[in-house]
Amino acid sequence: MPRNIFDEVYKKFSRLIKQQKTQLDELYELEEKTNRLLIQNKKNQEKQAKEIAKTVSGTSIASRTLENAWKTITTGIDNTE
């Protein structure tokens, strides 16, 4: 009879250990996926920051362009008078 109790206890511990291993494996997999997502997000943020910097620096209108536009407008006005 005592042998039977030990067998039952052993089986329960064995199941618990298997469950814990499964949970540990799943947590490891989740950690790996999280790390990959964090790395990908970092790369995306760097790319977006570069694109924003390009957009901001490239959108200003040069003063020469404004001067030429003004001259064209004033010349057009003068020619129509």
C-alpha atoms as a PDB file:
ATOM      1  CA  MET A   1       0.000   0.000   0.000  1.00  0.00           C
ATOM      2  CA  PRO A   2       2.702   2.632   0.769  1.00  0.00           C
ATOM      3  CA  ARG A   3       4.214   1.961  -2.622  1.00  0.00           C
ATOM      4  CA  ASN A   4       0.964   2.999  -4.233  1.00  0.00           C
ATOM      5  CA  ILE A   5       0.921   6.332  -2.367  1.00  0.00           C
ATOM      6  CA  PHE A   6       4.464   7.099  -3.473  1.00  0.00           C
ATOM      7  CA  ASP A   7       3.535   6.275  -7.043  1.00  0.00           C
ATOM      8  CA  GLU A   8       0.603   8.691  -6.889  1.00  0.00           C
ATOM      9  CA  VAL A   9       2.735  11.440  -5.370  1.00  0.00           C
ATOM     10  CA  TYR A  10       5.408  10.837  -7.990  1.00  0.00           C
ATOM     11  CA  LYS A  11       2.832  11.041 -10.789  1.00  0.00           C
ATOM     12  CA  LYS A  12       1.426  14.301  -9.417  1.00  0.00           C
ATOM     13  CA  PHE A  13       4.873  15.851  -9.096  1.00  0.00           C
ATOM     14  CA  SER A  14       5.747  14.613 -12.544  1.00  0.00           C
ATOM     15  CA  ARG A  15       2.636  16.277 -14.002  1.00  0.00           C
ATOM     16  CA  LEU A  16       3.385  19.485 -12.126  1.00  0.00           C
ATOM     17  CA  ILE A  17       6.953  19.546 -13.411  1.00  0.00           C
ATOM     18  CA  LYS A  18       5.742  18.982 -16.976  1.00  0.00           C
ATOM     19  CA  GLN A  19       3.224  21.816 -16.596  1.00  0.00           C
ATOM     20  CA  GLN A  20       5.884  24.116 -15.209  1.00  0.00           C
ATOM     21  CA  LYS A  21       8.220  23.247 -18.071  1.00  0.00           C
ATOM     22  CA  THR A  22       5.479  23.965 -20.581  1.00  0.00           C
ATOM     23  CA  GLN A  23       4.761  27.301 -18.912  1.00  0.00           C
ATOM     24  CA  LEU A  24       8.453  28.141 -18.823  1.00  0.00           C
ATOM     25  CA  ASP A  25       8.805  27.312 -22.528  1.00  0.00           C
ATOM     26  CA  GLU A  26       5.792  29.492 -23.350  1.00  0.00           C
ATOM     27  CA  LEU A  27       7.195  32.365 -21.290  1.00  0.00           C
ATOM     28  CA  TYR A  28      10.536  32.031 -23.059  1.00  0.00           C
ATOM     29  CA  GLU A  29       8.795  32.139 -26.436  1.00  0.00           C
ATOM     30  CA  LEU A  30       6.798  35.196 -25.361  1.00  0.00           C
ATOM     31  CA  GLU A  31       9.990  36.904 -24.204  1.00  0.00           C
ATOM     32  CA  GLU A  32      11.664  36.202 -27.552  1.00  0.00           C
ATOM     33  CA  LYS A  33       8.706  37.615 -29.484  1.00  0.00           C
ATOM     34  CA  THR A  34       8.599  40.666 -27.236  1.00  0.00           C
ATOM     35  CA  ASN A  35      12.299  41.299 -27.792  1.00  0.00           C
ATOM     36  CA  ARG A  36      11.875  41.004 -31.560  1.00  0.00           C
ATOM     37  CA  LEU A  37       8.964  43.459 -31.467  1.00  0.00           C
ATOM     38  CA  LEU A  38      10.961  45.916 -29.362  1.00  0.00           C
ATOM     39  CA  ILE A  39      13.866  45.741 -31.804  1.00  0.00           C
ATOM     40  CA  GLN A  40      11.520  46.220 -34.770  1.00  0.00           C
ATOM     41  CA  ASN A  41       9.828  49.171 -33.060  1.00  0.00           C
ATOM     42  CA  LYS A  42      13.211  50.765 -32.409  1.00  0.00           C
ATOM     43  CA  LYS A  43      14.146  50.399 -36.077  1.00  0.00           C
ATOM     44  CA  ASN A  44      10.796  51.856 -37.148  1.00  0.00           C
ATOM     45  CA  GLN A  45      11.200  54.823 -34.805  1.00  0.00           C
ATOM     46  CA  GLU A  46      14.679  55.528 -36.148  1.00  0.00           C
ATOM     47  CA  LYS A  47      13.392  55.360 -39.712  1.00  0.00           C
ATOM     48  CA  GLN A  48      10.467  57.666 -38.922  1.00  0.00           C
ATOM     49  CA  ALA A  49      12.745  60.130 -37.154  1.00  0.00           C
ATOM     50  CA  LYS A  50      14.973  60.297 -40.231  1.00  0.00           C
ATOM     51  CA  GLU A  51      11.970  60.788 -42.510  1.00  0.00           C
ATOM     52  CA  ILE A  52      10.599  63.537 -40.272  1.00  0.00           C
ATOM     53  CA  ALA A  53      13.980  65.272 -40.233  1.00  0.00           C
ATOM     54  CA  LYS A  54      14.108  65.151 -44.028  1.00  0.00           C
ATOM     55  CA  THR A  55      10.577  66.494 -44.323  1.00  0.00           C
ATOM     56  CA  VAL A  56      11.155  69.318 -41.880  1.00  0.00           C
ATOM     57  CA  SER A  57      14.426  70.397 -43.461  1.00  0.00           C
ATOM     58  CA  GLY A  58      13.096  70.114 -47.004  1.00  0.00           C
ATOM     59  CA  THR A  59       9.862  72.056 -46.639  1.00  0.00           C
ATOM     60  CA  SER A  60      11.246  75.519 -46.053  1.00  0.00           C
ATOM     61  CA  ILE A  61      10.915  77.858 -49.016  1.00  0.00           C
ATOM     62  CA  ALA A  62      14.139  79.482 -50.106  1.00  0.00           C
ATOM     63  CA  SER A  63      14.170  83.263 -49.978  1.00  0.00           C
ATOM     64  CA  ARG A  64      15.376  83.364 -53.596  1.00  0.00           C
ATOM     65  CA  THR A  65      12.231  81.452 -54.645  1.00  0.00           C
ATOM     66  CA  LEU A  66      10.047  83.956 -52.818  1.00  0.00           C
ATOM     67  CA  GLU A  67      11.892  86.874 -54.405  1.00  0.00           C
ATOM     68  CA  ASN A  68      11.499  85.401 -57.887  1.00  0.00           C
ATOM     69  CA  ALA A  69       7.791  84.767 -57.275  1.00  0.00           C
ATOM     70  CA  TRP A  70       7.325  88.331 -56.036  1.00  0.00           C
ATOM     71  CA  LYS A  71       9.129  89.752 -59.067  1.00  0.00           C
ATOM     72  CA  THR A  72       6.994  87.629 -61.393  1.00  0.00           C
ATOM     73  CA  ILE A  73       3.792  88.845 -59.710  1.00  0.00           C
ATOM     74  CA  THR A  74       4.797  92.487 -59.718  1.00  0.00           C
ATOM     75  CA  THR A  75       5.983  92.274 -63.348  1.00  0.00           C
ATOM     76  CA  GLY A  76       2.655  90.697 -64.296  1.00  0.00           C
ATOM     77  CA  ILE A  77       0.768  93.476 -62.527  1.00  0.00           C
ATOM     78  CA  ASP A  78       2.906  96.135 -64.198  1.00  0.00           C
ATOM     79  CA  ASN A  79       2.370  94.541 -67.629  1.00  0.00           C
ATOM     80  CA  THR A  80      -1.416  94.462 -67.229  1.00  0.00           C
ATOM     81  CA  GLU A  81      -1.639  98.165 -66.291  1.00  0.00           C
END
